[in-house]
């Protein structure tokens, strides 16, 4: 009975005994090393010798390997317990109906005909799902190639036209599944392009590759004796980075080819592609995904303040485009998303350059965005209005730009606060 139940549900994955033995041996070694290190420290109060430092580093590496192996054990065990329909392309469901124990003599001719029609329906559903997945993969691949092909290449416009043609053909049929294909691929491209733009701007800000202590090192330094542990971990990280630098991976090749040669041009290219993807998301009804991702891009928002004027121009256009979407009545947007968008990207509006040969936004567009921001701010509670308007005033007061001018929203908040005091 157990084996019969295991087959349809696929619950046959068990942790490897070899992996378990490795984890237990590493745990025992790390525990013994911890006891040895603590006992040597208690017995000898003098300064640590070289062997003590090496022992402490081995202990840290052992514990780190233990947690990494534990993570992979959980990951592999979960991935192996997957539905058999996925591995068999959906045919196992059909086979279970085909191998039903009912006999034709007992059920007559009705069951075979109904069974064949049911098999046909299931096959059609499986075929539709597989076809949609194939289209998503193909379109995602084409959009990913846009990030890698240089803009000066003659194949760049060819690839962009191919992506446009695929999306237009999907939309021309008007099928909901095909429109969903466009949205999924464009959302994936938005995530990828914004991450590449962030990494490119980060490399420009710190060309040496030294970004300071990461968040986990700063957290470790906050605990007792954390500075000593953080120094060890930083040394280990430097050693690992030096070792990994010998391997010519695709990521390092991409960084060398695109970031170190012409970082400004690469960032400008990625920003323009992100603007193009944002417009496509709006055309195919996926702008909500862009709003959510843009509201979480705090790192990109801070790096955009010091980006080149051309990069700032594209990023400002993206933010302005998304801000106009906040007032749409047919779009349900979470209040937290609206709040984070205003707090993160209002400083860029204040500090962004005006462009080279022409303004980034026209006067009409600026007035339209100001009205949209004022309308959205007025719908927030008083405390959230205060945070948004305080952020705006701090940046607006020290910038040379006169836009966006949210004085009306600020005065309205002050008046409503006075009325609360009177009551």
Foldseek 3Di string as FASTA:
>chain_A
DVVVVCVQQVLPDDQDPVLVVVLVVLVVLLVVLVVVLVVVCVVDVDDDDPVSVVSVLSSVVSVVVNVVSVVVRVVVSVVSRDGVCVVVLNCVVLVCLVPDPDDCVVVPDPVVVVNVVVSVVSVVVSVVVVVLVVLLVVLLVLLVVLLQDDPPDPCNVVSVVVSVVQLVVLVVVVDPSSLVSLLNSLLVSLVVLLVVLLVLLVCVVPVVPPPDDDPVLVVQVVDVVSVVVSVSVVVVVVVVVVVCVVDDDPVVVSCVVQRVPCSLSSSLSSLVSSLVSCVSCVVSVNNQSVLQVLLVPLSSLVSLLPHDLSNLLSVVVSLLVSLLVVPDPVDDHDLSSVLSSLLRNLLSQQRHDQDDPHGSDDPVSQVSSLVSVLVSLVPDPLVSNVSSVVSNCVRNVPGPDPPDDNVVSVVVSVVVVVVVVVD
